[in-house]
Amino acid sequence: MILAETASKTPWWLILAIVLGVIVLILIIATIVMKALLKPNNTVKQLDEVIIGNGQEGKKALLIYQPTKHDSGKNAAQAIADKLHDKGYRVDINHPSAYLNYNVDDYDLLVFGSGAYAFTAAPVLLSYMSSLNLKGKNVFVFSVGVIPREKSQEFEAFEKLTAGAANVSMVKIKGGENDKIAGYIEDFVATL
């Protein structure tokens, strides 16, 4: 009986204010969580060059990728490197940075990759790519994310950066589709 009397004495505006306060708090928490989950991985990683193979007939590929939060980018890059090695390429692998000093003219194939967060590729990768002259180059770009390519926007930046390249292929995969990306790179290399 006391509870019922207390509830009936609580003004309606106070109940409304409490409910609205809880809703606002939930929205703030949801916004913070979504921002953290969708934040592009723009951390400049320590340079970590890995060279796979010697390359038959002097074939060389440069693979620059920005690691993703759950290693799906690293796994995709490894699948690409393994397939290129199988096709006779020497593959130089590293992370994007202003400190890289690769001469793209030394490579037959350039591969760039990033995770997609909030419809964008990693800004550090885009910045690195913008510092290169890709005119006349063979370029393969991959993105890892859950949104299908036809609904994704990160490729708009990649298209601008690869304008003028001789041959370009851009693909999007979901994490774990390593066999799929290996097939894509194999098909692309067959056209060169």
C-alpha atoms as a PDB file:
ATOM      1  CA  MET A   1       0.000   0.000   0.000  1.00  0.00           C
ATOM      2  CA  ILE A   2       2.856   2.392   0.750  1.00  0.00           C
ATOM      3  CA  LEU A   3       4.443   1.700  -2.668  1.00  0.00           C
ATOM      4  CA  ALA A   4       1.195   2.486  -4.442  1.00  0.00           C
ATOM      5  CA  GLU A   5       0.809   5.697  -2.482  1.00  0.00           C
ATOM      6  CA  THR A   6       4.409   6.726  -3.297  1.00  0.00           C
ATOM      7  CA  ALA A   7       3.939   6.012  -6.999  1.00  0.00           C
ATOM      8  CA  SER A   8       0.758   8.016  -7.129  1.00  0.00           C
ATOM      9  CA  LYS A   9       2.491  10.950  -5.442  1.00  0.00           C
ATOM     10  CA  THR A  10       5.417  10.991  -7.949  1.00  0.00           C
ATOM     11  CA  PRO A  11       4.790  13.710 -10.508  1.00  0.00           C
ATOM     12  CA  TRP A  12       4.470  12.515 -14.112  1.00  0.00           C
ATOM     13  CA  TRP A  13       7.142  14.924 -15.302  1.00  0.00           C
ATOM     14  CA  LEU A  14       9.689  13.379 -12.926  1.00  0.00           C
ATOM     15  CA  ILE A  15       8.987   9.889 -14.290  1.00  0.00           C
ATOM     16  CA  LEU A  16       9.261  11.238 -17.833  1.00  0.00           C
ATOM     17  CA  ALA A  17      12.567  12.963 -17.007  1.00  0.00           C
ATOM     18  CA  ILE A  18      13.983   9.735 -15.561  1.00  0.00           C
ATOM     19  CA  VAL A  19      12.893   7.700 -18.596  1.00  0.00           C
ATOM     20  CA  LEU A  20      14.347  10.279 -21.003  1.00  0.00           C
ATOM     21  CA  GLY A  21      17.572  10.410 -18.979  1.00  0.00           C
ATOM     22  CA  VAL A  22      17.948   6.632 -19.229  1.00  0.00           C
ATOM     23  CA  ILE A  23      17.290   6.745 -22.986  1.00  0.00           C
ATOM     24  CA  VAL A  24      19.896   9.490 -23.476  1.00  0.00           C
ATOM     25  CA  LEU A  25      22.420   7.520 -21.397  1.00  0.00           C
ATOM     26  CA  ILE A  26      21.824   4.391 -23.500  1.00  0.00           C
ATOM     27  CA  LEU A  27      22.288   6.408 -26.722  1.00  0.00           C
ATOM     28  CA  ILE A  28      25.543   7.916 -25.447  1.00  0.00           C
ATOM     29  CA  ILE A  29      26.917   4.508 -24.492  1.00  0.00           C
ATOM     30  CA  ALA A  30      25.820   3.018 -27.837  1.00  0.00           C
ATOM     31  CA  THR A  31      27.496   5.886 -29.721  1.00  0.00           C
ATOM     32  CA  ILE A  32      30.774   5.409 -27.844  1.00  0.00           C
ATOM     33  CA  VAL A  33      30.751   1.655 -28.458  1.00  0.00           C
ATOM     34  CA  MET A  34      29.933   2.040 -32.174  1.00  0.00           C
ATOM     35  CA  LYS A  35      32.586   4.713 -32.619  1.00  0.00           C
ATOM     36  CA  ALA A  36      35.188   2.433 -31.046  1.00  0.00           C
ATOM     37  CA  LEU A  37      34.133  -0.521 -33.203  1.00  0.00           C
ATOM     38  CA  LEU A  38      33.977   1.401 -36.468  1.00  0.00           C
ATOM     39  CA  LYS A  39      37.079   3.531 -35.982  1.00  0.00           C
ATOM     40  CA  PRO A  40      39.532   3.040 -38.845  1.00  0.00           C
ATOM     41  CA  ASN A  41      42.765   1.384 -37.916  1.00  0.00           C
ATOM     42  CA  ASN A  42      45.017   4.344 -38.556  1.00  0.00           C
ATOM     43  CA  THR A  43      47.837   3.378 -36.255  1.00  0.00           C
ATOM     44  CA  VAL A  44      51.183   3.521 -38.003  1.00  0.00           C
ATOM     45  CA  LYS A  45      52.583   0.068 -37.379  1.00  0.00           C
ATOM     46  CA  GLN A  46      56.217  -0.674 -36.824  1.00  0.00           C
ATOM     47  CA  LEU A  47      57.894  -1.488 -40.103  1.00  0.00           C
ATOM     48  CA  ASP A  48      58.047  -5.234 -40.401  1.00  0.00           C
ATOM     49  CA  GLU A  49      59.388  -6.250 -43.792  1.00  0.00           C
ATOM     50  CA  VAL A  50      58.940  -9.868 -44.741  1.00  0.00           C
ATOM     51  CA  ILE A  51      60.328 -11.210 -48.008  1.00  0.00           C
ATOM     52  CA  ILE A  52      58.876 -14.407 -49.432  1.00  0.00           C
ATOM     53  CA  GLY A  53      60.720 -16.233 -52.195  1.00  0.00           C
ATOM     54  CA  ASN A  54      63.361 -15.193 -54.704  1.00  0.00           C
ATOM     55  CA  GLY A  55      61.166 -14.664 -57.741  1.00  0.00           C
ATOM     56  CA  GLN A  56      61.529 -16.594 -60.956  1.00  0.00           C
ATOM     57  CA  GLU A  57      62.676 -14.588 -63.944  1.00  0.00           C
ATOM     58  CA  GLY A  58      62.938 -11.517 -61.728  1.00  0.00           C
ATOM     59  CA  LYS A  59      59.190 -11.206 -60.987  1.00  0.00           C
ATOM     60  CA  LYS A  60      58.608  -9.032 -57.926  1.00  0.00           C
ATOM     61  CA  ALA A  61      55.523  -7.943 -56.020  1.00  0.00           C
ATOM     62  CA  LEU A  62      55.197  -5.335 -53.294  1.00  0.00           C
ATOM     63  CA  LEU A  63      52.398  -6.010 -50.802  1.00  0.00           C
ATOM     64  CA  ILE A  64      51.553  -3.167 -48.416  1.00  0.00           C
ATOM     65  CA  TYR A  65      48.644  -3.722 -46.038  1.00  0.00           C
ATOM     66  CA  GLN A  66      47.287  -2.139 -42.892  1.00  0.00           C
ATOM     67  CA  PRO A  67      46.642  -4.809 -40.246  1.00  0.00           C
ATOM     68  CA  THR A  68      43.046  -5.162 -39.097  1.00  0.00           C
ATOM     69  CA  LYS A  69      41.759  -5.508 -35.567  1.00  0.00           C
ATOM     70  CA  HIS A  70      41.192  -9.255 -35.814  1.00  0.00           C
ATOM     71  CA  ASP A  71      44.041 -10.321 -38.145  1.00  0.00           C
ATOM     72  CA  SER A  72      41.754 -10.818 -41.139  1.00  0.00           C
ATOM     73  CA  GLY A  73      43.868  -8.346 -43.132  1.00  0.00           C
ATOM     74  CA  LYS A  74      47.076 -10.127 -42.153  1.00  0.00           C
ATOM     75  CA  ASN A  75      45.594 -13.499 -43.096  1.00  0.00           C
ATOM     76  CA  ALA A  76      44.375 -12.185 -46.458  1.00  0.00           C
ATOM     77  CA  ALA A  77      47.794 -10.639 -47.141  1.00  0.00           C
ATOM     78  CA  GLN A  78      49.477 -13.930 -46.295  1.00  0.00           C
ATOM     79  CA  ALA A  79      47.140 -15.834 -48.636  1.00  0.00           C
ATOM     80  CA  ILE A  80      47.962 -13.373 -51.431  1.00  0.00           C
ATOM     81  CA  ALA A  81      51.710 -13.606 -50.751  1.00  0.00           C
ATOM     82  CA  ASP A  82      51.595 -17.405 -50.742  1.00  0.00           C
ATOM     83  CA  LYS A  83      49.722 -17.494 -54.057  1.00  0.00           C
ATOM     84  CA  LEU A  84      52.112 -14.997 -55.643  1.00  0.00           C
ATOM     85  CA  HIS A  85      55.068 -17.034 -54.409  1.00  0.00           C
ATOM     86  CA  ASP A  86      53.477 -20.131 -55.984  1.00  0.00           C
ATOM     87  CA  LYS A  87      53.283 -18.132 -59.230  1.00  0.00           C
ATOM     88  CA  GLY A  88      57.001 -17.366 -59.126  1.00  0.00           C
ATOM     89  CA  TYR A  89      57.040 -13.929 -57.524  1.00  0.00           C
ATOM     90  CA  ARG A  90      59.331 -12.591 -54.869  1.00  0.00           C
ATOM     91  CA  VAL A  91      56.956 -10.804 -52.481  1.00  0.00           C
ATOM     92  CA  ASP A  92      58.054  -7.918 -50.257  1.00  0.00           C
ATOM     93  CA  ILE A  93      55.475  -7.382 -47.492  1.00  0.00           C
ATOM     94  CA  ASN A  94      55.210  -4.431 -45.138  1.00  0.00           C
ATOM     95  CA  HIS A  95      52.847  -1.939 -43.482  1.00  0.00           C
ATOM     96  CA  PRO A  96      52.162   1.555 -44.840  1.00  0.00           C
ATOM     97  CA  SER A  97      54.292   4.347 -43.455  1.00  0.00           C
ATOM     98  CA  ALA A  98      55.873   7.591 -44.539  1.00  0.00           C
ATOM     99  CA  TYR A  99      59.195   5.902 -43.708  1.00  0.00           C
ATOM    100  CA  LEU A 100      58.929   3.251 -46.429  1.00  0.00           C
ATOM    101  CA  ASN A 101      61.383   3.764 -49.253  1.00  0.00           C
ATOM    102  CA  TYR A 102      60.330   1.207 -51.838  1.00  0.00           C
ATOM    103  CA  ASN A 103      60.744   2.220 -55.464  1.00  0.00           C
ATOM    104  CA  VAL A 104      57.542   1.044 -57.154  1.00  0.00           C
ATOM    105  CA  ASP A 105      59.393   0.937 -60.480  1.00  0.00           C
ATOM    106  CA  ASP A 106      61.282  -2.096 -59.139  1.00  0.00           C
ATOM    107  CA  TYR A 107      58.061  -4.145 -58.940  1.00  0.00           C
ATOM    108  CA  ASP A 108      55.928  -5.910 -61.519  1.00  0.00           C
ATOM    109  CA  LEU A 109      52.884  -5.924 -59.234  1.00  0.00           C
ATOM    110  CA  LEU A 110      51.717  -3.670 -56.399  1.00  0.00           C
ATOM    111  CA  VAL A 111      49.216  -4.967 -53.848  1.00  0.00           C
ATOM    112  CA  PHE A 112      47.511  -2.781 -51.255  1.00  0.00           C
ATOM    113  CA  GLY A 113      45.084  -3.873 -48.558  1.00  0.00           C
ATOM    114  CA  SER A 114      43.074  -2.567 -45.660  1.00  0.00           C
ATOM    115  CA  GLY A 115      40.165  -3.355 -43.436  1.00  0.00           C
ATOM    116  CA  ALA A 116      37.022  -1.310 -44.003  1.00  0.00           C
ATOM    117  CA  TYR A 117      35.692   0.580 -41.021  1.00  0.00           C
ATOM    118  CA  ALA A 118      32.717   2.918 -41.316  1.00  0.00           C
ATOM    119  CA  PHE A 119      32.944   2.808 -45.120  1.00  0.00           C
ATOM    120  CA  THR A 120      36.565   3.888 -45.319  1.00  0.00           C
ATOM    121  CA  ALA A 121      39.959   2.284 -45.732  1.00  0.00           C
ATOM    122  CA  ALA A 122      42.764   2.965 -43.279  1.00  0.00           C
ATOM    123  CA  PRO A 123      43.850   6.595 -43.746  1.00  0.00           C
ATOM    124  CA  VAL A 124      47.514   5.635 -43.250  1.00  0.00           C
ATOM    125  CA  LEU A 125      47.294   3.306 -46.279  1.00  0.00           C
ATOM    126  CA  LEU A 126      45.511   5.921 -48.393  1.00  0.00           C
ATOM    127  CA  SER A 127      48.169   8.462 -47.446  1.00  0.00           C
ATOM    128  CA  TYR A 128      50.958   6.077 -48.409  1.00  0.00           C
ATOM    129  CA  MET A 129      49.303   5.246 -51.728  1.00  0.00           C
ATOM    130  CA  SER A 130      48.852   8.941 -52.513  1.00  0.00           C
ATOM    131  CA  SER A 131      52.619   9.406 -52.246  1.00  0.00           C
ATOM    132  CA  LEU A 132      53.240   6.913 -55.056  1.00  0.00           C
ATOM    133  CA  ASN A 133      53.181   7.283 -58.833  1.00  0.00           C
ATOM    134  CA  LEU A 134      51.028   4.344 -59.917  1.00  0.00           C
ATOM    135  CA  LYS A 135      50.794   5.407 -63.569  1.00  0.00           C
ATOM    136  CA  GLY A 136      51.311   2.396 -65.814  1.00  0.00           C
ATOM    137  CA  LYS A 137      51.532  -0.034 -62.857  1.00  0.00           C
ATOM    138  CA  ASN A 138      49.733  -3.307 -62.218  1.00  0.00           C
ATOM    139  CA  VAL A 139      47.758  -2.759 -59.015  1.00  0.00           C
ATOM    140  CA  PHE A 140      45.664  -5.147 -56.943  1.00  0.00           C
ATOM    141  CA  VAL A 141      43.665  -3.665 -54.049  1.00  0.00           C
ATOM    142  CA  PHE A 142      41.819  -5.642 -51.405  1.00  0.00           C
ATOM    143  CA  SER A 143      39.538  -4.674 -48.588  1.00  0.00           C
ATOM    144  CA  VAL A 144      38.329  -6.823 -45.710  1.00  0.00           C
ATOM    145  CA  GLY A 145      34.937  -6.092 -44.157  1.00  0.00           C
ATOM    146  CA  VAL A 146      31.391  -7.267 -43.688  1.00  0.00           C
ATOM    147  CA  ILE A 147      29.581  -4.853 -46.013  1.00  0.00           C
ATOM    148  CA  PRO A 148      29.437  -6.068 -49.649  1.00  0.00           C
ATOM    149  CA  ARG A 149      31.502  -4.102 -52.159  1.00  0.00           C
ATOM    150  CA  GLU A 150      28.512  -2.768 -54.064  1.00  0.00           C
ATOM    151  CA  LYS A 151      27.345  -1.050 -50.865  1.00  0.00           C
ATOM    152  CA  SER A 152      30.786  -0.028 -49.652  1.00  0.00           C
ATOM    153  CA  GLN A 153      32.448   3.332 -50.169  1.00  0.00           C
ATOM    154  CA  GLU A 154      36.133   2.748 -49.439  1.00  0.00           C
ATOM    155  CA  PHE A 155      36.774   1.902 -53.086  1.00  0.00           C
ATOM    156  CA  GLU A 156      36.018   5.470 -54.178  1.00  0.00           C
ATOM    157  CA  ALA A 157      39.320   6.563 -52.623  1.00  0.00           C
ATOM    158  CA  PHE A 158      41.154   3.568 -54.091  1.00  0.00           C
ATOM    159  CA  GLU A 159      39.778   4.344 -57.568  1.00  0.00           C
ATOM    160  CA  LYS A 160      41.084   7.902 -57.404  1.00  0.00           C
ATOM    161  CA  LEU A 161      44.496   6.758 -56.198  1.00  0.00           C
ATOM    162  CA  THR A 162      44.871   4.100 -58.893  1.00  0.00           C
ATOM    163  CA  ALA A 163      43.716   6.274 -61.791  1.00  0.00           C
ATOM    164  CA  GLY A 164      46.259   5.922 -64.560  1.00  0.00           C
ATOM    165  CA  ALA A 165      47.453   2.479 -63.487  1.00  0.00           C
ATOM    166  CA  ALA A 166      47.824   0.029 -66.384  1.00  0.00           C
ATOM    167  CA  ASN A 167      45.829  -2.809 -64.808  1.00  0.00           C
ATOM    168  CA  VAL A 168      43.750  -2.562 -61.657  1.00  0.00           C
ATOM    169  CA  SER A 169      41.690  -5.092 -59.759  1.00  0.00           C
ATOM    170  CA  MET A 170      39.793  -4.247 -56.584  1.00  0.00           C
ATOM    171  CA  VAL A 171      38.146  -6.881 -54.454  1.00  0.00           C
ATOM    172  CA  LYS A 172      36.403  -7.066 -51.122  1.00  0.00           C
ATOM    173  CA  ILE A 173      36.253 -10.121 -48.932  1.00  0.00           C
ATOM    174  CA  LYS A 174      34.944 -10.985 -45.520  1.00  0.00           C
ATOM    175  CA  GLY A 175      37.366 -12.117 -42.852  1.00  0.00           C
ATOM    176  CA  GLY A 176      38.360 -15.743 -43.335  1.00  0.00           C
ATOM    177  CA  GLU A 177      37.818 -15.798 -47.113  1.00  0.00           C
ATOM    178  CA  ASN A 178      41.498 -16.416 -47.749  1.00  0.00           C
ATOM    179  CA  ASP A 179      40.967 -19.025 -50.455  1.00  0.00           C
ATOM    180  CA  LYS A 180      38.694 -16.580 -52.249  1.00  0.00           C
ATOM    181  CA  ILE A 181      41.277 -13.776 -52.255  1.00  0.00           C
ATOM    182  CA  ALA A 182      43.988 -16.222 -53.344  1.00  0.00           C
ATOM    183  CA  GLY A 183      41.776 -17.047 -56.318  1.00  0.00           C
ATOM    184  CA  TYR A 184      41.267 -13.366 -57.113  1.00  0.00           C
ATOM    185  CA  ILE A 185      45.002 -12.633 -57.152  1.00  0.00           C
ATOM    186  CA  GLU A 186      45.647 -15.746 -59.247  1.00  0.00           C
ATOM    187  CA  ASP A 187      43.071 -14.607 -61.811  1.00  0.00           C
ATOM    188  CA  PHE A 188      44.533 -11.079 -61.874  1.00  0.00           C
ATOM    189  CA  VAL A 189      48.112 -12.289 -62.358  1.00  0.00           C
ATOM    190  CA  ALA A 190      46.955 -14.524 -65.221  1.00  0.00           C
ATOM    191  CA  THR A 191      45.845 -11.406 -67.124  1.00  0.00           C
ATOM    192  CA  LEU A 192      49.214  -9.659 -66.874  1.00  0.00           C
END
